[in-house]
Amino acid sequence: MVKFEITPLQPLYHRIIDIKTRRHHNVRDHNRRDDFFHPIIAILTSHFEKQSKTKHKMLQVELELEKLKHENFLMETEKMRLELDQMKFEQKRDEPRLL
């Protein structure tokens, strides 16, 4: 029967192995954290992209609305000018003419 003796190097070896496995576990934990955060970051990025696209579309619609308002303003102004001209013309026509 062979007896194994614990040499002074053996505890050191176990400490080195323990340190390596801890380091390895930390790397694994770090990977787990990355595996957890990557989907969250992707979700947030996707949300902000959709939000900015929605804002862009909203601004385009508002710009189109402002263009239509401006065109409407110009048309109403022209209509009022024509009505005023017509009123002036009728007023002149109805005035008695002095010869």
PDB file of N, CA and C in Angstrom:
ATOM      1  N   MET A   1       0.844  -1.155   0.000  1.00  0.00           N
ATOM      2  CA  MET A   1       0.000   0.000   0.000  1.00  0.00           C
ATOM      3  C   MET A   1       0.900   1.231   0.000  1.00  0.00           C
ATOM      4  N   VAL A   2       0.546   2.157  -0.907  1.00  0.00           N
ATOM      5  CA  VAL A   2       1.351   3.359  -1.044  1.00  0.00           C
ATOM      6  C   VAL A   2       0.658   4.472  -0.279  1.00  0.00           C
ATOM      7  N   LYS A   3       1.443   5.161   0.473  1.00  0.00           N
ATOM      8  CA  LYS A   3       0.904   6.260   1.245  1.00  0.00           C
ATOM      9  C   LYS A   3       1.240   7.563   0.531  1.00  0.00           C
ATOM     10  N   PHE A   4       0.235   8.389   0.370  1.00  0.00           N
ATOM     11  CA  PHE A   4       0.470   9.682  -0.258  1.00  0.00           C
ATOM     12  C   PHE A   4       0.696  10.719   0.819  1.00  0.00           C
ATOM     13  N   GLU A   5       1.729  11.415   0.653  1.00  0.00           N
ATOM     14  CA  GLU A   5       2.022  12.492   1.599  1.00  0.00           C
ATOM     15  C   GLU A   5       1.706  13.815   0.927  1.00  0.00           C
ATOM     16  N   ILE A   6       1.235  14.724   1.698  1.00  0.00           N
ATOM     17  CA  ILE A   6       0.968  16.061   1.186  1.00  0.00           C
ATOM     18  C   ILE A   6       2.258  16.851   1.296  1.00  0.00           C
ATOM     19  N   THR A   7       2.710  17.228   0.172  1.00  0.00           N
ATOM     20  CA  THR A   7       3.951  17.997   0.157  1.00  0.00           C
ATOM     21  C   THR A   7       3.600  19.479   0.262  1.00  0.00           C
ATOM     22  N   PRO A   8       4.539  20.293   0.615  1.00  0.00           N
ATOM     23  CA  PRO A   8       4.243  21.730   0.716  1.00  0.00           C
ATOM     24  C   PRO A   8       3.813  22.340  -0.625  1.00  0.00           C
ATOM     25  N   LEU A   9       4.169  21.708  -1.744  1.00  0.00           N
ATOM     26  CA  LEU A   9       3.791  22.248  -3.044  1.00  0.00           C
ATOM     27  C   LEU A   9       2.328  21.959  -3.387  1.00  0.00           C
ATOM     28  N   GLN A  10       1.799  20.913  -2.826  1.00  0.00           N
ATOM     29  CA  GLN A  10       0.441  20.530  -3.174  1.00  0.00           C
ATOM     30  C   GLN A  10      -0.594  21.603  -2.784  1.00  0.00           C
ATOM     31  N   PRO A  11      -0.551  22.170  -1.600  1.00  0.00           N
ATOM     32  CA  PRO A  11      -1.521  23.229  -1.308  1.00  0.00           C
ATOM     33  C   PRO A  11      -1.356  24.436  -2.241  1.00  0.00           C
ATOM     34  N   LEU A  12      -0.119  24.724  -2.590  1.00  0.00           N
ATOM     35  CA  LEU A  12       0.122  25.818  -3.521  1.00  0.00           C
ATOM     36  C   LEU A  12      -0.506  25.502  -4.875  1.00  0.00           C
ATOM     37  N   TYR A  13      -0.342  24.273  -5.322  1.00  0.00           N
ATOM     38  CA  TYR A  13      -0.927  23.844  -6.585  1.00  0.00           C
ATOM     39  C   TYR A  13      -2.445  23.993  -6.534  1.00  0.00           C
ATOM     40  N   HIS A  14      -3.044  23.569  -5.407  1.00  0.00           N
ATOM     41  CA  HIS A  14      -4.497  23.700  -5.262  1.00  0.00           C
ATOM     42  C   HIS A  14      -4.916  25.167  -5.255  1.00  0.00           C
ATOM     43  N   ARG A  15      -4.105  26.011  -4.655  1.00  0.00           N
ATOM     44  CA  ARG A  15      -4.414  27.440  -4.665  1.00  0.00           C
ATOM     45  C   ARG A  15      -4.355  27.997  -6.088  1.00  0.00           C
ATOM     46  N   ILE A  16      -3.358  27.579  -6.848  1.00  0.00           N
ATOM     47  CA  ILE A  16      -3.242  28.045  -8.233  1.00  0.00           C
ATOM     48  C   ILE A  16      -4.443  27.578  -9.040  1.00  0.00           C
ATOM     49  N   ILE A  17      -4.817  26.309  -8.898  1.00  0.00           N
ATOM     50  CA  ILE A  17      -5.976  25.771  -9.608  1.00  0.00           C
ATOM     51  C   ILE A  17      -7.226  26.537  -9.179  1.00  0.00           C
ATOM     52  N   ASP A  18      -7.359  26.793  -7.874  1.00  0.00           N
ATOM     53  CA  ASP A  18      -8.507  27.516  -7.361  1.00  0.00           C
ATOM     54  C   ASP A  18      -8.568  28.938  -7.934  1.00  0.00           C
ATOM     55  N   ILE A  19      -7.431  29.587  -7.999  1.00  0.00           N
ATOM     56  CA  ILE A  19      -7.374  30.934  -8.572  1.00  0.00           C
ATOM     57  C   ILE A  19      -7.754  30.891 -10.050  1.00  0.00           C
ATOM     58  N   LYS A  20      -7.233  29.897 -10.781  1.00  0.00           N
ATOM     59  CA  LYS A  20      -7.569  29.783 -12.197  1.00  0.00           C
ATOM     60  C   LYS A  20      -9.059  29.534 -12.395  1.00  0.00           C
ATOM     61  N   THR A  21      -9.629  28.651 -11.602  1.00  0.00           N
ATOM     62  CA  THR A  21     -11.058  28.366 -11.757  1.00  0.00           C
ATOM     63  C   THR A  21     -11.884  29.579 -11.368  1.00  0.00           C
ATOM     64  N   ARG A  22     -11.448  30.300 -10.335  1.00  0.00           N
ATOM     65  CA  ARG A  22     -12.163  31.523  -9.983  1.00  0.00           C
ATOM     66  C   ARG A  22     -12.107  32.525 -11.123  1.00  0.00           C
ATOM     67  N   ARG A  23     -10.934  32.671 -11.697  1.00  0.00           N
ATOM     68  CA  ARG A  23     -10.777  33.585 -12.816  1.00  0.00           C
ATOM     69  C   ARG A  23     -11.671  33.124 -13.969  1.00  0.00           C
ATOM     70  N   HIS A  24     -11.693  31.818 -14.171  1.00  0.00           N
ATOM     71  CA  HIS A  24     -12.516  31.260 -15.227  1.00  0.00           C
ATOM     72  C   HIS A  24     -14.000  31.506 -14.922  1.00  0.00           C
ATOM     73  N   HIS A  25     -14.385  31.337 -13.650  1.00  0.00           N
ATOM     74  CA  HIS A  25     -15.768  31.598 -13.259  1.00  0.00           C
ATOM     75  C   HIS A  25     -16.108  33.066 -13.448  1.00  0.00           C
ATOM     76  N   ASN A  26     -15.167  33.953 -13.118  1.00  0.00           N
ATOM     77  CA  ASN A  26     -15.415  35.377 -13.320  1.00  0.00           C
ATOM     78  C   ASN A  26     -15.630  35.688 -14.793  1.00  0.00           C
ATOM     79  N   VAL A  27     -14.855  35.041 -15.645  1.00  0.00           N
ATOM     80  CA  VAL A  27     -15.034  35.232 -17.082  1.00  0.00           C
ATOM     81  C   VAL A  27     -16.398  34.716 -17.492  1.00  0.00           C
ATOM     82  N   ARG A  28     -16.773  33.561 -16.952  1.00  0.00           N
ATOM     83  CA  ARG A  28     -18.086  33.011 -17.260  1.00  0.00           C
ATOM     84  C   ARG A  28     -19.187  33.937 -16.754  1.00  0.00           C
ATOM     85  N   ASP A  29     -19.006  34.453 -15.529  1.00  0.00           N
ATOM     86  CA  ASP A  29     -19.990  35.390 -14.987  1.00  0.00           C
ATOM     87  C   ASP A  29     -20.063  36.639 -15.853  1.00  0.00           C
ATOM     88  N   HIS A  30     -18.913  37.095 -16.301  1.00  0.00           N
ATOM     89  CA  HIS A  30     -18.875  38.266 -17.176  1.00  0.00           C
ATOM     90  C   HIS A  30     -19.620  37.965 -18.478  1.00  0.00           C
ATOM     91  N   ASN A  31     -19.407  36.777 -19.018  1.00  0.00           N
ATOM     92  CA  ASN A  31     -20.123  36.380 -20.237  1.00  0.00           C
ATOM     93  C   ASN A  31     -21.622  36.302 -19.981  1.00  0.00           C
ATOM     94  N   ARG A  32     -21.976  35.815 -18.796  1.00  0.00           N
ATOM     95  CA  ARG A  32     -23.395  35.747 -18.460  1.00  0.00           C
ATOM     96  C   ARG A  32     -23.979  37.147 -18.384  1.00  0.00           C
ATOM     97  N   ARG A  33     -23.212  38.075 -17.778  1.00  0.00           N
ATOM     98  CA  ARG A  33     -23.674  39.456 -17.713  1.00  0.00           C
ATOM     99  C   ARG A  33     -23.824  40.015 -19.123  1.00  0.00           C
ATOM    100  N   ASP A  34     -22.845  39.737 -19.977  1.00  0.00           N
ATOM    101  CA  ASP A  34     -22.930  40.198 -21.361  1.00  0.00           C
ATOM    102  C   ASP A  34     -24.132  39.576 -22.058  1.00  0.00           C
ATOM    103  N   ASP A  35     -24.352  38.279 -21.796  1.00  0.00           N
ATOM    104  CA  ASP A  35     -25.498  37.602 -22.402  1.00  0.00           C
ATOM    105  C   ASP A  35     -26.806  38.221 -21.925  1.00  0.00           C
ATOM    106  N   PHE A  36     -26.792  38.769 -20.710  1.00  0.00           N
ATOM    107  CA  PHE A  36     -27.981  39.408 -20.162  1.00  0.00           C
ATOM    108  C   PHE A  36     -28.149  40.817 -20.719  1.00  0.00           C
ATOM    109  N   PHE A  37     -27.042  41.575 -20.821  1.00  0.00           N
ATOM    110  CA  PHE A  37     -27.136  42.972 -21.215  1.00  0.00           C
ATOM    111  C   PHE A  37     -27.283  43.175 -22.722  1.00  0.00           C
ATOM    112  N   HIS A  38     -26.742  42.292 -23.529  1.00  0.00           N
ATOM    113  CA  HIS A  38     -26.844  42.459 -24.973  1.00  0.00           C
ATOM    114  C   HIS A  38     -28.302  42.515 -25.439  1.00  0.00           C
ATOM    115  N   PRO A  39     -29.170  41.598 -25.006  1.00  0.00           N
ATOM    116  CA  PRO A  39     -30.573  41.699 -25.434  1.00  0.00           C
ATOM    117  C   PRO A  39     -31.244  42.977 -24.928  1.00  0.00           C
ATOM    118  N   ILE A  40     -30.919  43.398 -23.716  1.00  0.00           N
ATOM    119  CA  ILE A  40     -31.518  44.620 -23.179  1.00  0.00           C
ATOM    120  C   ILE A  40     -31.083  45.823 -24.008  1.00  0.00           C
ATOM    121  N   ILE A  41     -29.804  45.884 -24.325  1.00  0.00           N
ATOM    122  CA  ILE A  41     -29.300  46.988 -25.140  1.00  0.00           C
ATOM    123  C   ILE A  41     -29.939  46.954 -26.520  1.00  0.00           C
ATOM    124  N   ALA A  42     -30.097  45.760 -27.076  1.00  0.00           N
ATOM    125  CA  ALA A  42     -30.737  45.634 -28.392  1.00  0.00           C
ATOM    126  C   ALA A  42     -32.191  46.100 -28.335  1.00  0.00           C
ATOM    127  N   ILE A  43     -32.892  45.746 -27.274  1.00  0.00           N
ATOM    128  CA  ILE A  43     -34.288  46.163 -27.111  1.00  0.00           C
ATOM    129  C   ILE A  43     -34.367  47.683 -26.995  1.00  0.00           C
ATOM    130  N   LEU A  44     -33.492  48.266 -26.169  1.00  0.00           N
ATOM    131  CA  LEU A  44     -33.496  49.723 -25.998  1.00  0.00           C
ATOM    132  C   LEU A  44     -33.140  50.432 -27.297  1.00  0.00           C
ATOM    133  N   THR A  45     -32.140  49.922 -27.991  1.00  0.00           N
ATOM    134  CA  THR A  45     -31.749  50.531 -29.267  1.00  0.00           C
ATOM    135  C   THR A  45     -32.894  50.467 -30.262  1.00  0.00           C
ATOM    136  N   SER A  46     -33.525  49.324 -30.346  1.00  0.00           N
ATOM    137  CA  SER A  46     -34.666  49.166 -31.255  1.00  0.00           C
ATOM    138  C   SER A  46     -35.788  50.136 -30.886  1.00  0.00           C
ATOM    139  N   HIS A  47     -36.046  50.273 -29.587  1.00  0.00           N
ATOM    140  CA  HIS A  47     -37.093  51.189 -29.124  1.00  0.00           C
ATOM    141  C   HIS A  47     -36.778  52.627 -29.528  1.00  0.00           C
ATOM    142  N   PHE A  48     -35.524  53.051 -29.292  1.00  0.00           N
ATOM    143  CA  PHE A  48     -35.155  54.432 -29.622  1.00  0.00           C
ATOM    144  C   PHE A  48     -35.166  54.665 -31.135  1.00  0.00           C
ATOM    145  N   GLU A  49     -34.794  53.664 -31.914  1.00  0.00           N
ATOM    146  CA  GLU A  49     -34.861  53.803 -33.375  1.00  0.00           C
ATOM    147  C   GLU A  49     -36.307  53.959 -33.831  1.00  0.00           C
ATOM    148  N   LYS A  50     -37.199  53.127 -33.296  1.00  0.00           N
ATOM    149  CA  LYS A  50     -38.615  53.233 -33.655  1.00  0.00           C
ATOM    150  C   LYS A  50     -39.180  54.585 -33.225  1.00  0.00           C
ATOM    151  N   GLN A  51     -38.761  55.026 -32.040  1.00  0.00           N
ATOM    152  CA  GLN A  51     -39.240  56.315 -31.537  1.00  0.00           C
ATOM    153  C   GLN A  51     -38.778  57.464 -32.440  1.00  0.00           C
ATOM    154  N   SER A  52     -37.529  57.426 -32.866  1.00  0.00           N
ATOM    155  CA  SER A  52     -37.033  58.503 -33.734  1.00  0.00           C
ATOM    156  C   SER A  52     -37.686  58.439 -35.115  1.00  0.00           C
ATOM    157  N   LYS A  53     -37.954  57.229 -35.627  1.00  0.00           N
ATOM    158  CA  LYS A  53     -38.653  57.110 -36.908  1.00  0.00           C
ATOM    159  C   LYS A  53     -40.072  57.670 -36.792  1.00  0.00           C
ATOM    160  N   THR A  54     -40.731  57.396 -35.676  1.00  0.00           N
ATOM    161  CA  THR A  54     -42.079  57.916 -35.457  1.00  0.00           C
ATOM    162  C   THR A  54     -42.053  59.438 -35.376  1.00  0.00           C
ATOM    163  N   LYS A  55     -41.068  59.994 -34.682  1.00  0.00           N
ATOM    164  CA  LYS A  55     -40.944  61.457 -34.599  1.00  0.00           C
ATOM    165  C   LYS A  55     -40.688  62.052 -35.976  1.00  0.00           C
ATOM    166  N   HIS A  56     -39.861  61.381 -36.768  1.00  0.00           N
ATOM    167  CA  HIS A  56     -39.569  61.857 -38.114  1.00  0.00           C
ATOM    168  C   HIS A  56     -40.845  61.888 -38.961  1.00  0.00           C
ATOM    169  N   LYS A  57     -41.632  60.816 -38.898  1.00  0.00           N
ATOM    170  CA  LYS A  57     -42.884  60.768 -39.653  1.00  0.00           C
ATOM    171  C   LYS A  57     -43.844  61.858 -39.169  1.00  0.00           C
ATOM    172  N   MET A  58     -43.884  62.058 -37.856  1.00  0.00           N
ATOM    173  CA  MET A  58     -44.765  63.074 -37.296  1.00  0.00           C
ATOM    174  C   MET A  58     -44.355  64.468 -37.787  1.00  0.00           C
ATOM    175  N   LEU A  59     -43.047  64.729 -37.831  1.00  0.00           N
ATOM    176  CA  LEU A  59     -42.569  66.017 -38.329  1.00  0.00           C
ATOM    177  C   LEU A  59     -42.894  66.199 -39.811  1.00  0.00           C
ATOM    178  N   GLN A  60     -42.786  65.125 -40.589  1.00  0.00           N
ATOM    179  CA  GLN A  60     -43.144  65.211 -42.008  1.00  0.00           C
ATOM    180  C   GLN A  60     -44.620  65.557 -42.178  1.00  0.00           C
ATOM    181  N   VAL A  61     -45.476  64.928 -41.381  1.00  0.00           N
ATOM    182  CA  VAL A  61     -46.910  65.198 -41.461  1.00  0.00           C
ATOM    183  C   VAL A  61     -47.195  66.639 -41.041  1.00  0.00           C
ATOM    184  N   GLU A  62     -46.534  67.107 -39.981  1.00  0.00           N
ATOM    185  CA  GLU A  62     -46.721  68.488 -39.537  1.00  0.00           C
ATOM    186  C   GLU A  62     -46.253  69.479 -40.612  1.00  0.00           C
ATOM    187  N   LEU A  63     -45.149  69.182 -41.257  1.00  0.00           N
ATOM    188  CA  LEU A  63     -44.655  70.043 -42.329  1.00  0.00           C
ATOM    189  C   LEU A  63     -45.650  70.099 -43.481  1.00  0.00           C
ATOM    190  N   GLU A  64     -46.197  68.962 -43.860  1.00  0.00           N
ATOM    191  CA  GLU A  64     -47.201  68.916 -44.925  1.00  0.00           C
ATOM    192  C   GLU A  64     -48.437  69.713 -44.516  1.00  0.00           C
ATOM    193  N   LEU A  65     -48.834  69.589 -43.257  1.00  0.00           N
ATOM    194  CA  LEU A  65     -49.986  70.344 -42.754  1.00  0.00           C
ATOM    195  C   LEU A  65     -49.721  71.848 -42.835  1.00  0.00           C
ATOM    196  N   GLU A  66     -48.527  72.266 -42.448  1.00  0.00           N
ATOM    197  CA  GLU A  66     -48.184  73.687 -42.519  1.00  0.00           C
ATOM    198  C   GLU A  66     -48.178  74.189 -43.970  1.00  0.00           C
ATOM    199  N   LYS A  67     -47.712  73.367 -44.885  1.00  0.00           N
ATOM    200  CA  LYS A  67     -47.755  73.750 -46.304  1.00  0.00           C
ATOM    201  C   LYS A  67     -49.196  73.936 -46.770  1.00  0.00           C
ATOM    202  N   LEU A  68     -50.072  73.014 -46.366  1.00  0.00           N
ATOM    203  CA  LEU A  68     -51.483  73.129 -46.746  1.00  0.00           C
ATOM    204  C   LEU A  68     -52.120  74.371 -46.125  1.00  0.00           C
ATOM    205  N   LYS A  69     -51.779  74.664 -44.882  1.00  0.00           N
ATOM    206  CA  LYS A  69     -52.300  75.866 -44.230  1.00  0.00           C
ATOM    207  C   LYS A  69     -51.852  77.118 -44.977  1.00  0.00           C
ATOM    208  N   HIS A  70     -50.597  77.129 -45.379  1.00  0.00           N
ATOM    209  CA  HIS A  70     -50.073  78.278 -46.111  1.00  0.00           C
ATOM    210  C   HIS A  70     -50.778  78.447 -47.455  1.00  0.00           C
ATOM    211  N   GLU A  71     -50.962  77.343 -48.179  1.00  0.00           N
ATOM    212  CA  GLU A  71     -51.678  77.398 -49.458  1.00  0.00           C
ATOM    213  C   GLU A  71     -53.111  77.893 -49.253  1.00  0.00           C
ATOM    214  N   ASN A  72     -53.748  77.415 -48.208  1.00  0.00           N
ATOM    215  CA  ASN A  72     -55.109  77.842 -47.890  1.00  0.00           C
ATOM    216  C   ASN A  72     -55.140  79.341 -47.580  1.00  0.00           C
ATOM    217  N   PHE A  73     -54.172  79.806 -46.821  1.00  0.00           N
ATOM    218  CA  PHE A  73     -54.076  81.229 -46.506  1.00  0.00           C
ATOM    219  C   PHE A  73     -53.936  82.063 -47.781  1.00  0.00           C
ATOM    220  N   LEU A  74     -53.063  81.614 -48.684  1.00  0.00           N
ATOM    221  CA  LEU A  74     -52.875  82.345 -49.940  1.00  0.00           C
ATOM    222  C   LEU A  74     -54.158  82.374 -50.771  1.00  0.00           C
ATOM    223  N   MET A  75     -54.862  81.259 -50.833  1.00  0.00           N
ATOM    224  CA  MET A  75     -56.105  81.201 -51.598  1.00  0.00           C
ATOM    225  C   MET A  75     -57.174  82.100 -50.989  1.00  0.00           C
ATOM    226  N   GLU A  76     -57.302  82.075 -49.662  1.00  0.00           N
ATOM    227  CA  GLU A  76     -58.288  82.934 -49.009  1.00  0.00           C
ATOM    228  C   GLU A  76     -57.941  84.409 -49.188  1.00  0.00           C
ATOM    229  N   THR A  77     -56.661  84.727 -49.119  1.00  0.00           N
ATOM    230  CA  THR A  77     -56.230  86.111 -49.318  1.00  0.00           C
ATOM    231  C   THR A  77     -56.557  86.575 -50.732  1.00  0.00           C
ATOM    232  N   GLU A  78     -56.286  85.726 -51.693  1.00  0.00           N
ATOM    233  CA  GLU A  78     -56.600  86.056 -53.085  1.00  0.00           C
ATOM    234  C   GLU A  78     -58.115  86.216 -53.274  1.00  0.00           C
ATOM    235  N   LYS A  79     -58.886  85.347 -52.653  1.00  0.00           N
ATOM    236  CA  LYS A  79     -60.352  85.430 -52.742  1.00  0.00           C
ATOM    237  C   LYS A  79     -60.847  86.743 -52.135  1.00  0.00           C
ATOM    238  N   MET A  80     -60.309  87.109 -50.988  1.00  0.00           N
ATOM    239  CA  MET A  80     -60.710  88.366 -50.350  1.00  0.00           C
ATOM    240  C   MET A  80     -60.314  89.576 -51.202  1.00  0.00           C
ATOM    241  N   ARG A  81     -59.155  89.513 -51.831  1.00  0.00           N
ATOM    242  CA  ARG A  81     -58.713  90.605 -52.699  1.00  0.00           C
ATOM    243  C   ARG A  81     -59.657  90.751 -53.891  1.00  0.00           C
ATOM    244  N   LEU A  82     -60.038  89.620 -54.464  1.00  0.00           N
ATOM    245  CA  LEU A  82     -60.973  89.657 -55.590  1.00  0.00           C
ATOM    246  C   LEU A  82     -62.342  90.203 -55.170  1.00  0.00           C
ATOM    247  N   GLU A  83     -62.814  89.789 -53.993  1.00  0.00           N
ATOM    248  CA  GLU A  83     -64.090  90.288 -53.500  1.00  0.00           C
ATOM    249  C   GLU A  83     -64.027  91.797 -53.256  1.00  0.00           C
ATOM    250  N   LEU A  84     -62.910  92.262 -52.715  1.00  0.00           N
ATOM    251  CA  LEU A  84     -62.730  93.688 -52.497  1.00  0.00           C
ATOM    252  C   LEU A  84     -62.710  94.451 -53.821  1.00  0.00           C
ATOM    253  N   ASP A  85     -62.008  93.908 -54.796  1.00  0.00           N
ATOM    254  CA  ASP A  85     -61.987  94.539 -56.125  1.00  0.00           C
ATOM    255  C   ASP A  85     -63.384  94.598 -56.732  1.00  0.00           C
ATOM    256  N   GLN A  86     -64.112  93.523 -56.549  1.00  0.00           N
ATOM    257  CA  GLN A  86     -65.473  93.488 -57.088  1.00  0.00           C
ATOM    258  C   GLN A  86     -66.348  94.526 -56.381  1.00  0.00           C
ATOM    259  N   MET A  87     -66.205  94.640 -55.074  1.00  0.00           N
ATOM    260  CA  MET A  87     -66.981  95.636 -54.333  1.00  0.00           C
ATOM    261  C   MET A  87     -66.642  97.051 -54.810  1.00  0.00           C
ATOM    262  N   LYS A  88     -65.360  97.309 -55.025  1.00  0.00           N
ATOM    263  CA  LYS A  88     -64.948  98.625 -55.520  1.00  0.00           C
ATOM    264  C   LYS A  88     -65.538  98.883 -56.906  1.00  0.00           C
ATOM    265  N   PHE A  89     -65.505  97.887 -57.731  1.00  0.00           N
ATOM    266  CA  PHE A  89     -66.045  98.028 -59.084  1.00  0.00           C
ATOM    267  C   PHE A  89     -67.544  98.327 -59.035  1.00  0.00           C
ATOM    268  N   GLU A  90     -68.280  97.581 -58.191  1.00  0.00           N
ATOM    269  CA  GLU A  90     -69.725  97.790 -58.071  1.00  0.00           C
ATOM    270  C   GLU A  90     -70.029  99.161 -57.478  1.00  0.00           C
ATOM    271  N   GLN A  91     -69.207  99.566 -56.548  1.00  0.00           N
ATOM    272  CA  GLN A  91     -69.413 100.867 -55.939  1.00  0.00           C
ATOM    273  C   GLN A  91     -69.210 101.983 -56.981  1.00  0.00           C
ATOM    274  N   LYS A  92     -68.195 101.842 -57.784  1.00  0.00           N
ATOM    275  CA  LYS A  92     -67.956 102.824 -58.846  1.00  0.00           C
ATOM    276  C   LYS A  92     -69.073 102.797 -59.874  1.00  0.00           C
ATOM    277  N   ARG A  93     -69.572 101.638 -60.151  1.00  0.00           N
ATOM    278  CA  ARG A  93     -70.630 101.498 -61.154  1.00  0.00           C
ATOM    279  C   ARG A  93     -71.925 102.132 -60.663  1.00  0.00           C
ATOM    280  N   ASP A  94     -72.162 101.991 -59.352  1.00  0.00           N
ATOM    281  CA  ASP A  94     -73.400 102.526 -58.786  1.00  0.00           C
ATOM    282  C   ASP A  94     -73.327 104.030 -58.539  1.00  0.00           C
ATOM    283  N   GLU A  95     -72.188 104.624 -58.532  1.00  0.00           N
ATOM    284  CA  GLU A  95     -72.052 106.049 -58.317  1.00  0.00           C
ATOM    285  C   GLU A  95     -72.657 106.805 -59.501  1.00  0.00           C
ATOM    286  N   PRO A  96     -73.317 107.872 -59.213  1.00  0.00           N
ATOM    287  CA  PRO A  96     -73.826 108.665 -60.341  1.00  0.00           C
ATOM    288  C   PRO A  96     -72.666 109.350 -61.057  1.00  0.00           C
ATOM    289  N   ARG A  97     -72.751 109.363 -62.301  1.00  0.00           N
ATOM    290  CA  ARG A  97     -71.679 109.967 -63.090  1.00  0.00           C
ATOM    291  C   ARG A  97     -72.005 111.445 -63.334  1.00  0.00           C
ATOM    292  N   LEU A  98     -71.009 112.184 -63.079  1.00  0.00           N
ATOM    293  CA  LEU A  98     -71.160 113.604 -63.353  1.00  0.00           C
ATOM    294  C   LEU A  98     -70.411 113.936 -64.598  1.00  0.00           C
ATOM    295  N   LEU A  99     -71.088 114.517 -65.512  1.00  0.00           N
ATOM    296  CA  LEU A  99     -70.452 114.890 -66.770  1.00  0.00           C
ATOM    297  C   LEU A  99     -70.167 116.341 -66.857  1.00  0.00           C
TER     298      LEU A  99
END
